[in-house]
PDB file of N, CA and C in Angstrom:
ATOM      1  N   GLU A   1     -16.951  19.785  -7.865  1.00  0.00           N
ATOM      2  CA  GLU A   1     -18.264  20.472  -7.822  1.00  0.00           C
ATOM      3  C   GLU A   1     -19.116  19.859  -6.711  1.00  0.00           C
ATOM      4  N   PRO A   2     -19.512  20.664  -5.719  1.00  0.00           N
ATOM      5  CA  PRO A   2     -20.329  20.111  -4.636  1.00  0.00           C
ATOM      6  C   PRO A   2     -21.742  19.782  -5.121  1.00  0.00           C
ATOM      7  N   PRO A   3     -22.341  18.742  -4.586  1.00  0.00           N
ATOM      8  CA  PRO A   3     -23.708  18.388  -4.997  1.00  0.00           C
ATOM      9  C   PRO A   3     -24.715  19.438  -4.542  1.00  0.00           C
ATOM     10  N   ALA A   4     -25.737  19.661  -5.347  1.00  0.00           N
ATOM     11  CA  ALA A   4     -26.770  20.634  -4.990  1.00  0.00           C
ATOM     12  C   ALA A   4     -27.904  19.920  -4.259  1.00  0.00           C
ATOM     13  N   THR A   5     -27.877  19.965  -2.962  1.00  0.00           N
ATOM     14  CA  THR A   5     -28.937  19.347  -2.161  1.00  0.00           C
ATOM     15  C   THR A   5     -29.530  20.395  -1.236  1.00  0.00           C
ATOM     16  N   GLU A   6     -30.614  20.036  -0.540  1.00  0.00           N
ATOM     17  CA  GLU A   6     -31.325  21.026   0.273  1.00  0.00           C
ATOM     18  C   GLU A   6     -30.503  21.621   1.408  1.00  0.00           C
ATOM     19  N   GLN A   7     -29.496  20.898   1.894  1.00  0.00           N
ATOM     20  CA  GLN A   7     -28.770  21.447   3.039  1.00  0.00           C
ATOM     21  C   GLN A   7     -27.779  22.550   2.657  1.00  0.00           C
ATOM     22  N   TRP A   8     -27.721  22.907   1.372  1.00  0.00           N
ATOM     23  CA  TRP A   8     -26.832  23.985   0.940  1.00  0.00           C
ATOM     24  C   TRP A   8     -27.559  25.320   1.001  1.00  0.00           C
ATOM     25  N   LEU A   9     -26.953  26.294   1.672  1.00  0.00           N
ATOM     26  CA  LEU A   9     -27.422  27.678   1.633  1.00  0.00           C
ATOM     27  C   LEU A   9     -26.600  28.370   0.551  1.00  0.00           C
ATOM     28  N   SER A  10     -27.188  29.323  -0.157  1.00  0.00           N
ATOM     29  CA  SER A  10     -26.398  29.998  -1.187  1.00  0.00           C
ATOM     30  C   SER A  10     -26.753  31.470  -1.314  1.00  0.00           C
ATOM     31  N   CYS A  11     -25.771  32.218  -1.780  1.00  0.00           N
ATOM     32  CA  CYS A  11     -25.934  33.640  -2.101  1.00  0.00           C
ATOM     33  C   CYS A  11     -24.947  33.925  -3.218  1.00  0.00           C
ATOM     34  N   ALA A  12     -25.447  34.308  -4.384  1.00  0.00           N
ATOM     35  CA  ALA A  12     -24.599  34.487  -5.576  1.00  0.00           C
ATOM     36  C   ALA A  12     -23.812  33.190  -5.798  1.00  0.00           C
ATOM     37  N   ASN A  13     -22.476  33.273  -5.889  1.00  0.00           N
ATOM     38  CA  ASN A  13     -21.688  32.055  -6.125  1.00  0.00           C
ATOM     39  C   ASN A  13     -21.101  31.480  -4.826  1.00  0.00           C
ATOM     40  N   LEU A  14     -21.682  31.876  -3.699  1.00  0.00           N
ATOM     41  CA  LEU A  14     -21.264  31.366  -2.390  1.00  0.00           C
ATOM     42  C   LEU A  14     -22.232  30.273  -1.955  1.00  0.00           C
ATOM     43  N   ARG A  15     -21.687  29.111  -1.572  1.00  0.00           N
ATOM     44  CA  ARG A  15     -22.521  28.001  -1.099  1.00  0.00           C
ATOM     45  C   ARG A  15     -21.964  27.467   0.210  1.00  0.00           C
ATOM     46  N   LEU A  16     -22.857  27.124   1.114  1.00  0.00           N
ATOM     47  CA  LEU A  16     -22.459  26.653   2.436  1.00  0.00           C
ATOM     48  C   LEU A  16     -23.311  25.455   2.819  1.00  0.00           C
ATOM     49  N   ASN A  17     -22.681  24.418   3.346  1.00  0.00           N
ATOM     50  CA  ASN A  17     -23.381  23.224   3.808  1.00  0.00           C
ATOM     51  C   ASN A  17     -23.211  23.129   5.319  1.00  0.00           C
ATOM     52  N   GLU A  18     -24.332  23.283   6.040  1.00  0.00           N
ATOM     53  CA  GLU A  18     -24.265  23.270   7.505  1.00  0.00           C
ATOM     54  C   GLU A  18     -23.857  21.927   8.074  1.00  0.00           C
ATOM     55  N   SER A  19     -24.318  20.838   7.465  1.00  0.00           N
ATOM     56  CA  SER A  19     -24.028  19.528   8.051  1.00  0.00           C
ATOM     57  C   SER A  19     -22.584  19.093   7.839  1.00  0.00           C
ATOM     58  N   THR A  20     -22.006  19.427   6.683  1.00  0.00           N
ATOM     59  CA  THR A  20     -20.609  19.039   6.435  1.00  0.00           C
ATOM     60  C   THR A  20     -19.635  20.189   6.736  1.00  0.00           C
ATOM     61  N   ARG A  21     -20.189  21.379   7.018  1.00  0.00           N
ATOM     62  CA  ARG A  21     -19.395  22.585   7.309  1.00  0.00           C
ATOM     63  C   ARG A  21     -18.470  22.960   6.143  1.00  0.00           C
ATOM     64  N   GLU A  22     -18.931  22.711   4.923  1.00  0.00           N
ATOM     65  CA  GLU A  22     -18.171  23.090   3.726  1.00  0.00           C
ATOM     66  C   GLU A  22     -18.664  24.438   3.217  1.00  0.00           C
ATOM     67  N   VAL A  23     -17.728  25.236   2.734  1.00  0.00           N
ATOM     68  CA  VAL A  23     -18.055  26.530   2.140  1.00  0.00           C
ATOM     69  C   VAL A  23     -17.319  26.639   0.807  1.00  0.00           C
ATOM     70  N   TYR A  24     -18.053  27.006  -0.237  1.00  0.00           N
ATOM     71  CA  TYR A  24     -17.464  27.211  -1.564  1.00  0.00           C
ATOM     72  C   TYR A  24     -17.804  28.601  -2.064  1.00  0.00           C
ATOM     73  N   ARG A  25     -16.828  29.268  -2.688  1.00  0.00           N
ATOM     74  CA  ARG A  25     -17.100  30.493  -3.453  1.00  0.00           C
ATOM     75  C   ARG A  25     -16.720  30.144  -4.874  1.00  0.00           C
ATOM     76  N   GLY A  26     -17.713  29.958  -5.724  1.00  0.00           N
ATOM     77  CA  GLY A  26     -17.459  29.420  -7.056  1.00  0.00           C
ATOM     78  C   GLY A  26     -16.986  27.982  -6.886  1.00  0.00           C
ATOM     79  N   GLU A  27     -15.858  27.644  -7.472  1.00  0.00           N
ATOM     80  CA  GLU A  27     -15.309  26.282  -7.356  1.00  0.00           C
ATOM     81  C   GLU A  27     -14.343  26.142  -6.183  1.00  0.00           C
ATOM     82  N   ALA A  28     -13.981  27.259  -5.585  1.00  0.00           N
ATOM     83  CA  ALA A  28     -12.953  27.234  -4.531  1.00  0.00           C
ATOM     84  C   ALA A  28     -13.554  26.922  -3.168  1.00  0.00           C
ATOM     85  N   MET A  29     -12.966  25.941  -2.483  1.00  0.00           N
ATOM     86  CA  MET A  29     -13.398  25.630  -1.125  1.00  0.00           C
ATOM     87  C   MET A  29     -12.727  26.618  -0.174  1.00  0.00           C
ATOM     88  N   ILE A  30     -13.495  27.125   0.780  1.00  0.00           N
ATOM     89  CA  ILE A  30     -12.987  28.131   1.714  1.00  0.00           C
ATOM     90  C   ILE A  30     -12.919  27.539   3.114  1.00  0.00           C
ATOM     91  N   GLU A  31     -11.762  27.680   3.736  1.00  0.00           N
ATOM     92  CA  GLU A  31     -11.566  27.189   5.105  1.00  0.00           C
ATOM     93  C   GLU A  31     -11.936  28.292   6.091  1.00  0.00           C
ATOM     94  N   LEU A  32     -12.874  27.997   6.979  1.00  0.00           N
ATOM     95  CA  LEU A  32     -13.260  28.954   8.009  1.00  0.00           C
ATOM     96  C   LEU A  32     -13.074  28.326   9.387  1.00  0.00           C
ATOM     97  N   THR A  33     -12.796  29.152  10.381  1.00  0.00           N
ATOM     98  CA  THR A  33     -12.764  28.662  11.759  1.00  0.00           C
ATOM     99  C   THR A  33     -14.215  28.396  12.191  1.00  0.00           C
ATOM    100  N   PRO A  34     -14.423  27.639  13.269  1.00  0.00           N
ATOM    101  CA  PRO A  34     -15.804  27.392  13.721  1.00  0.00           C
ATOM    102  C   PRO A  34     -16.604  28.682  13.948  1.00  0.00           C
ATOM    103  N   ARG A  35     -16.003  29.698  14.552  1.00  0.00           N
ATOM    104  CA  ARG A  35     -16.722  30.950  14.812  1.00  0.00           C
ATOM    105  C   ARG A  35     -17.030  31.686  13.503  1.00  0.00           C
ATOM    106  N   GLU A  36     -16.082  31.719  12.592  1.00  0.00           N
ATOM    107  CA  GLU A  36     -16.308  32.349  11.287  1.00  0.00           C
ATOM    108  C   GLU A  36     -17.441  31.641  10.553  1.00  0.00           C
ATOM    109  N   PHE A  37     -17.449  30.311  10.632  1.00  0.00           N
ATOM    110  CA  PHE A  37     -18.491  29.519   9.976  1.00  0.00           C
ATOM    111  C   PHE A  37     -19.863  29.861  10.560  1.00  0.00           C
ATOM    112  N   ASP A  38     -19.952  29.901  11.897  1.00  0.00           N
ATOM    113  CA  ASP A  38     -21.229  30.205  12.555  1.00  0.00           C
ATOM    114  C   ASP A  38     -21.733  31.596  12.179  1.00  0.00           C
ATOM    115  N   LEU A  39     -20.815  32.547  12.080  1.00  0.00           N
ATOM    116  CA  LEU A  39     -21.181  33.906  11.686  1.00  0.00           C
ATOM    117  C   LEU A  39     -21.728  33.911  10.256  1.00  0.00           C
ATOM    118  N   LEU A  40     -21.062  33.203   9.365  1.00  0.00           N
ATOM    119  CA  LEU A  40     -21.509  33.145   7.973  1.00  0.00           C
ATOM    120  C   LEU A  40     -22.855  32.433   7.847  1.00  0.00           C
ATOM    121  N   VAL A  41     -23.059  31.364   8.609  1.00  0.00           N
ATOM    122  CA  VAL A  41     -24.352  30.664   8.600  1.00  0.00           C
ATOM    123  C   VAL A  41     -25.467  31.640   8.970  1.00  0.00           C
ATOM    124  N   TYR A  42     -25.256  32.400  10.027  1.00  0.00           N
ATOM    125  CA  TYR A  42     -26.295  33.335  10.479  1.00  0.00           C
ATOM    126  C   TYR A  42     -26.593  34.380   9.403  1.00  0.00           C
ATOM    127  N   LEU A  43     -25.543  34.926   8.810  1.00  0.00           N
ATOM    128  CA  LEU A  43     -25.739  35.901   7.726  1.00  0.00           C
ATOM    129  C   LEU A  43     -26.490  35.276   6.552  1.00  0.00           C
ATOM    130  N   MET A  44     -26.143  34.035   6.203  1.00  0.00           N
ATOM    131  CA  MET A  44     -26.771  33.378   5.050  1.00  0.00           C
ATOM    132  C   MET A  44     -28.210  32.966   5.321  1.00  0.00           C
ATOM    133  N   LYS A  45     -28.559  32.796   6.589  1.00  0.00           N
ATOM    134  CA  LYS A  45     -29.951  32.470   6.930  1.00  0.00           C
ATOM    135  C   LYS A  45     -30.821  33.725   7.005  1.00  0.00           C
ATOM    136  N   HIS A  46     -30.189  34.892   6.948  1.00  0.00           N
ATOM    137  CA  HIS A  46     -30.912  36.169   6.992  1.00  0.00           C
ATOM    138  C   HIS A  46     -30.453  37.064   5.841  1.00  0.00           C
ATOM    139  N   PRO A  47     -30.572  36.567   4.600  1.00  0.00           N
ATOM    140  CA  PRO A  47     -30.074  37.354   3.463  1.00  0.00           C
ATOM    141  C   PRO A  47     -30.872  38.644   3.290  1.00  0.00           C
ATOM    142  N   ARG A  48     -30.169  39.676   2.856  1.00  0.00           N
ATOM    143  CA  ARG A  48     -30.775  40.988   2.583  1.00  0.00           C
ATOM    144  C   ARG A  48     -31.387  41.638   3.820  1.00  0.00           C
ATOM    145  N   GLN A  49     -31.093  41.099   5.012  1.00  0.00           N
ATOM    146  CA  GLN A  49     -31.547  41.738   6.253  1.00  0.00           C
ATOM    147  C   GLN A  49     -30.357  42.436   6.896  1.00  0.00           C
ATOM    148  N   VAL A  50     -30.548  43.683   7.280  1.00  0.00           N
ATOM    149  CA  VAL A  50     -29.481  44.396   7.981  1.00  0.00           C
ATOM    150  C   VAL A  50     -29.461  43.898   9.423  1.00  0.00           C
ATOM    151  N   LEU A  51     -28.319  43.350   9.825  1.00  0.00           N
ATOM    152  CA  LEU A  51     -28.168  42.765  11.161  1.00  0.00           C
ATOM    153  C   LEU A  51     -27.235  43.635  11.993  1.00  0.00           C
ATOM    154  N   SER A  52     -27.688  43.998  13.185  1.00  0.00           N
ATOM    155  CA  SER A  52     -26.856  44.836  14.051  1.00  0.00           C
ATOM    156  C   SER A  52     -25.753  44.004  14.695  1.00  0.00           C
ATOM    157  N   ARG A  53     -24.735  44.690  15.189  1.00  0.00           N
ATOM    158  CA  ARG A  53     -23.657  43.997  15.902  1.00  0.00           C
ATOM    159  C   ARG A  53     -24.217  43.240  17.099  1.00  0.00           C
ATOM    160  N   ASP A  54     -25.179  43.858  17.815  1.00  0.00           N
ATOM    161  CA  ASP A  54     -25.776  43.195  18.983  1.00  0.00           C
ATOM    162  C   ASP A  54     -26.497  41.910  18.589  1.00  0.00           C
ATOM    163  N   GLN A  55     -27.246  41.956  17.490  1.00  0.00           N
ATOM    164  CA  GLN A  55     -27.933  40.748  17.005  1.00  0.00           C
ATOM    165  C   GLN A  55     -26.926  39.645  16.696  1.00  0.00           C
ATOM    166  N   LEU A  56     -25.849  40.020  16.019  1.00  0.00           N
ATOM    167  CA  LEU A  56     -24.833  39.033  15.639  1.00  0.00           C
ATOM    168  C   LEU A  56     -24.122  38.471  16.865  1.00  0.00           C
ATOM    169  N   LEU A  57     -23.815  39.335  17.833  1.00  0.00           N
ATOM    170  CA  LEU A  57     -23.170  38.872  19.073  1.00  0.00           C
ATOM    171  C   LEU A  57     -24.032  37.844  19.787  1.00  0.00           C
ATOM    172  N   THR A  58     -25.320  38.179  19.944  1.00  0.00           N
ATOM    173  CA  THR A  58     -26.230  37.289  20.657  1.00  0.00           C
ATOM    174  C   THR A  58     -26.391  35.965  19.919  1.00  0.00           C
ATOM    175  N   ALA A  59     -26.557  36.038  18.593  1.00  0.00           N
ATOM    176  CA  ALA A  59     -26.806  34.834  17.798  1.00  0.00           C
ATOM    177  C   ALA A  59     -25.573  33.948  17.673  1.00  0.00           C
ATOM    178  N   VAL A  60     -24.414  34.555  17.448  1.00  0.00           N
ATOM    179  CA  VAL A  60     -23.210  33.789  17.122  1.00  0.00           C
ATOM    180  C   VAL A  60     -22.350  33.507  18.347  1.00  0.00           C
ATOM    181  N   TRP A  61     -22.240  34.507  19.229  1.00  0.00           N
ATOM    182  CA  TRP A  61     -21.421  34.315  20.429  1.00  0.00           C
ATOM    183  C   TRP A  61     -22.260  33.828  21.608  1.00  0.00           C
ATOM    184  N   GLY A  62     -23.592  33.930  21.483  1.00  0.00           N
ATOM    185  CA  GLY A  62     -24.483  33.351  22.479  1.00  0.00           C
ATOM    186  C   GLY A  62     -24.656  34.161  23.747  1.00  0.00           C
ATOM    187  N   TYR A  63     -24.329  35.433  23.708  1.00  0.00           N
ATOM    188  CA  TYR A  63     -24.556  36.266  24.885  1.00  0.00           C
ATOM    189  C   TYR A  63     -24.661  37.723  24.469  1.00  0.00           C
ATOM    190  N   ALA A  64     -25.292  38.504  25.329  1.00  0.00           N
ATOM    191  CA  ALA A  64     -25.326  39.945  25.109  1.00  0.00           C
ATOM    192  C   ALA A  64     -24.030  40.500  25.688  1.00  0.00           C
ATOM    193  N   TYR A  65     -23.243  41.085  24.840  1.00  0.00           N
ATOM    194  CA  TYR A  65     -21.913  41.546  25.220  1.00  0.00           C
ATOM    195  C   TYR A  65     -22.012  42.993  25.669  1.00  0.00           C
ATOM    196  N   ALA A  66     -21.674  43.246  26.928  1.00  0.00           N
ATOM    197  CA  ALA A  66     -21.863  44.583  27.507  1.00  0.00           C
ATOM    198  C   ALA A  66     -20.824  45.594  27.016  1.00  0.00           C
ATOM    199  N   GLY A  67     -19.669  45.091  26.623  1.00  0.00           N
ATOM    200  CA  GLY A  67     -18.578  46.000  26.254  1.00  0.00           C
ATOM    201  C   GLY A  67     -18.578  46.366  24.784  1.00  0.00           C
ATOM    202  N   ASP A  68     -17.400  46.375  24.218  1.00  0.00           N
ATOM    203  CA  ASP A  68     -17.187  46.774  22.837  1.00  0.00           C
ATOM    204  C   ASP A  68     -17.638  45.662  21.891  1.00  0.00           C
ATOM    205  N   THR A  69     -18.435  46.020  20.897  1.00  0.00           N
ATOM    206  CA  THR A  69     -18.890  45.018  19.924  1.00  0.00           C
ATOM    207  C   THR A  69     -17.880  44.859  18.788  1.00  0.00           C
ATOM    208  N   ASN A  70     -16.675  45.361  18.990  1.00  0.00           N
ATOM    209  CA  ASN A  70     -15.615  45.296  17.983  1.00  0.00           C
ATOM    210  C   ASN A  70     -15.303  43.873  17.540  1.00  0.00           C
ATOM    211  N   VAL A  71     -15.548  42.888  18.409  1.00  0.00           N
ATOM    212  CA  VAL A  71     -15.277  41.487  18.053  1.00  0.00           C
ATOM    213  C   VAL A  71     -16.053  41.098  16.790  1.00  0.00           C
ATOM    214  N   VAL A  72     -17.257  41.619  16.635  1.00  0.00           N
ATOM    215  CA  VAL A  72     -18.061  41.341  15.435  1.00  0.00           C
ATOM    216  C   VAL A  72     -17.356  41.906  14.199  1.00  0.00           C
ATOM    217  N   ASP A  73     -16.891  43.146  14.298  1.00  0.00           N
ATOM    218  CA  ASP A  73     -16.193  43.781  13.171  1.00  0.00           C
ATOM    219  C   ASP A  73     -14.959  42.982  12.771  1.00  0.00           C
ATOM    220  N   VAL A  74     -14.233  42.516  13.774  1.00  0.00           N
ATOM    221  CA  VAL A  74     -13.011  41.745  13.527  1.00  0.00           C
ATOM    222  C   VAL A  74     -13.339  40.463  12.760  1.00  0.00           C
ATOM    223  N   TYR A  75     -14.362  39.738  13.208  1.00  0.00           N
ATOM    224  CA  TYR A  75     -14.719  38.483  12.547  1.00  0.00           C
ATOM    225  C   TYR A  75     -15.328  38.700  11.172  1.00  0.00           C
ATOM    226  N   ILE A  76     -16.109  39.772  11.020  1.00  0.00           N
ATOM    227  CA  ILE A  76     -16.636  40.113   9.691  1.00  0.00           C
ATOM    228  C   ILE A  76     -15.463  40.339   8.738  1.00  0.00           C
ATOM    229  N   ARG A  77     -14.446  41.043   9.216  1.00  0.00           N
ATOM    230  CA  ARG A  77     -13.262  41.314   8.393  1.00  0.00           C
ATOM    231  C   ARG A  77     -12.562  40.014   7.994  1.00  0.00           C
ATOM    232  N   TYR A  78     -12.413  39.079   8.945  1.00  0.00           N
ATOM    233  CA  TYR A  78     -11.795  37.778   8.645  1.00  0.00           C
ATOM    234  C   TYR A  78     -12.582  37.040   7.566  1.00  0.00           C
ATOM    235  N   VAL A  79     -13.902  36.972   7.753  1.00  0.00           N
ATOM    236  CA  VAL A  79     -14.755  36.223   6.816  1.00  0.00           C
ATOM    237  C   VAL A  79     -14.726  36.884   5.440  1.00  0.00           C
ATOM    238  N   ARG A  80     -14.852  38.210   5.419  1.00  0.00           N
ATOM    239  CA  ARG A  80     -14.813  38.956   4.159  1.00  0.00           C
ATOM    240  C   ARG A  80     -13.534  38.670   3.382  1.00  0.00           C
ATOM    241  N   LYS A  81     -12.418  38.716   4.093  1.00  0.00           N
ATOM    242  CA  LYS A  81     -11.111  38.518   3.457  1.00  0.00           C
ATOM    243  C   LYS A  81     -11.052  37.141   2.789  1.00  0.00           C
ATOM    244  N   LYS A  82     -11.587  36.131   3.458  1.00  0.00           N
ATOM    245  CA  LYS A  82     -11.565  34.769   2.913  1.00  0.00           C
ATOM    246  C   LYS A  82     -12.548  34.618   1.748  1.00  0.00           C
ATOM    247  N   LEU A  83     -13.731  35.226   1.877  1.00  0.00           N
ATOM    248  CA  LEU A  83     -14.758  35.093   0.835  1.00  0.00           C
ATOM    249  C   LEU A  83     -14.424  35.886  -0.419  1.00  0.00           C
ATOM    250  N   ASP A  84     -13.847  37.068  -0.242  1.00  0.00           N
ATOM    251  CA  ASP A  84     -13.664  37.977  -1.375  1.00  0.00           C
ATOM    252  C   ASP A  84     -12.323  37.808  -2.068  1.00  0.00           C
ATOM    253  N   ASN A  85     -11.534  36.858  -1.648  1.00  0.00           N
ATOM    254  CA  ASN A  85     -10.210  36.629  -2.217  1.00  0.00           C
ATOM    255  C   ASN A  85     -10.314  36.349  -3.719  1.00  0.00           C
ATOM    256  N   GLY A  86      -9.892  37.321  -4.536  1.00  0.00           N
ATOM    257  CA  GLY A  86      -9.919  37.137  -5.987  1.00  0.00           C
ATOM    258  C   GLY A  86     -11.289  37.278  -6.625  1.00  0.00           C
ATOM    259  N   GLU A  87     -12.284  37.656  -5.845  1.00  0.00           N
ATOM    260  CA  GLU A  87     -13.645  37.798  -6.382  1.00  0.00           C
ATOM    261  C   GLU A  87     -13.942  39.267  -6.687  1.00  0.00           C
ATOM    262  N   ASP A  88     -14.781  39.494  -7.686  1.00  0.00           N
ATOM    263  CA  ASP A  88     -15.166  40.861  -8.039  1.00  0.00           C
ATOM    264  C   ASP A  88     -16.210  41.415  -7.075  1.00  0.00           C
ATOM    265  N   ALA A  89     -17.186  40.589  -6.739  1.00  0.00           N
ATOM    266  CA  ALA A  89     -18.335  41.064  -5.971  1.00  0.00           C
ATOM    267  C   ALA A  89     -18.188  40.755  -4.487  1.00  0.00           C
ATOM    268  N   GLU A  90     -18.276  41.798  -3.699  1.00  0.00           N
ATOM    269  CA  GLU A  90     -18.285  41.643  -2.245  1.00  0.00           C
ATOM    270  C   GLU A  90     -19.703  41.241  -1.832  1.00  0.00           C
ATOM    271  N   LEU A  91     -19.834  40.328  -0.884  1.00  0.00           N
ATOM    272  CA  LEU A  91     -21.157  39.842  -0.467  1.00  0.00           C
ATOM    273  C   LEU A  91     -21.601  40.398   0.885  1.00  0.00           C
ATOM    274  N   ILE A  92     -20.647  40.652   1.783  1.00  0.00           N
ATOM    275  CA  ILE A  92     -21.002  41.192   3.101  1.00  0.00           C
ATOM    276  C   ILE A  92     -20.779  42.703   3.050  1.00  0.00           C
ATOM    277  N   HIS A  93     -21.861  43.447   3.202  1.00  0.00           N
ATOM    278  CA  HIS A  93     -21.809  44.904   3.089  1.00  0.00           C
ATOM    279  C   HIS A  93     -21.984  45.549   4.459  1.00  0.00           C
ATOM    280  N   THR A  94     -21.265  46.641   4.682  1.00  0.00           N
ATOM    281  CA  THR A  94     -21.392  47.401   5.926  1.00  0.00           C
ATOM    282  C   THR A  94     -22.516  48.413   5.770  1.00  0.00           C
ATOM    283  N   VAL A  95     -23.395  48.481   6.765  1.00  0.00           N
ATOM    284  CA  VAL A  95     -24.413  49.527   6.818  1.00  0.00           C
ATOM    285  C   VAL A  95     -23.974  50.452   7.953  1.00  0.00           C
ATOM    286  N   ARG A  96     -23.462  51.606   7.597  1.00  0.00           N
ATOM    287  CA  ARG A  96     -22.838  52.498   8.578  1.00  0.00           C
ATOM    288  C   ARG A  96     -23.754  52.814   9.755  1.00  0.00           C
ATOM    289  N   GLY A  97     -23.218  52.668  10.952  1.00  0.00           N
ATOM    290  CA  GLY A  97     -23.966  52.983  12.161  1.00  0.00           C
ATOM    291  C   GLY A  97     -24.971  51.922  12.563  1.00  0.00           C
ATOM    292  N   VAL A  98     -25.115  50.869  11.751  1.00  0.00           N
ATOM    293  CA  VAL A  98     -26.113  49.835  12.060  1.00  0.00           C
ATOM    294  C   VAL A  98     -25.462  48.468  12.212  1.00  0.00           C
ATOM    295  N   GLY A  99     -24.884  47.961  11.131  1.00  0.00           N
ATOM    296  CA  GLY A  99     -24.313  46.620  11.188  1.00  0.00           C
ATOM    297  C   GLY A  99     -23.936  46.129   9.806  1.00  0.00           C
ATOM    298  N   TYR A 100     -24.393  44.918   9.469  1.00  0.00           N
ATOM    299  CA  TYR A 100     -23.968  44.271   8.228  1.00  0.00           C
ATOM    300  C   TYR A 100     -25.145  43.604   7.536  1.00  0.00           C
ATOM    301  N   VAL A 101     -24.993  43.435   6.218  1.00  0.00           N
ATOM    302  CA  VAL A 101     -26.012  42.747   5.430  1.00  0.00           C
ATOM    303  C   VAL A 101     -25.307  41.866   4.392  1.00  0.00           C
ATOM    304  N   LEU A 102     -25.839  40.663   4.204  1.00  0.00           N
ATOM    305  CA  LEU A 102     -25.332  39.757   3.169  1.00  0.00           C
ATOM    306  C   LEU A 102     -26.272  39.858   1.978  1.00  0.00           C
ATOM    307  N   LYS A 103     -25.729  40.280   0.843  1.00  0.00           N
ATOM    308  CA  LYS A 103     -26.545  40.370  -0.375  1.00  0.00           C
ATOM    309  C   LYS A 103     -25.629  40.337  -1.581  1.00  0.00           C
ATOM    310  N   ASP A 104     -26.192  39.930  -2.708  1.00  0.00           N
ATOM    311  CA  ASP A 104     -25.362  39.782  -3.906  1.00  0.00           C
ATOM    312  C   ASP A 104     -25.353  41.026  -4.787  1.00  0.00           C
ATOM    313  N   GLN A 105     -26.024  42.088  -4.354  1.00  0.00           N
ATOM    314  CA  GLN A 105     -25.988  43.361  -5.085  1.00  0.00           C
ATOM    315  C   GLN A 105     -25.391  44.430  -4.176  1.00  0.00           C
ATOM    316  N   PRO A 106     -24.622  45.365  -4.739  1.00  0.00           N
ATOM    317  CA  PRO A 106     -24.038  46.429  -3.901  1.00  0.00           C
ATOM    318  C   PRO A 106     -25.102  47.313  -3.257  1.00  0.00           C
TER     319      PRO A 106
END
């Protein structure tokens, strides 16, 4: 059981520690790549906000990407797959034509 201290961000049963780069969904520790982790941090710091692909690209990849923003979709899919493994509730929701939102309600 990870300690509950201020450096933990949480949404439902998902907890993330920025300083130790640990991520838990319930009791299970989740391994993320550095880019996946950065994407999840950004989503968790903006809960219930619909974030566009462009916003996510700029924040997580650090540049305005002139071409296809598909890279965001690909990484969202990777993170979702790891977070939702065996879980009932999906946390990262697609907002069609706009982007993504992290929230604990459908």
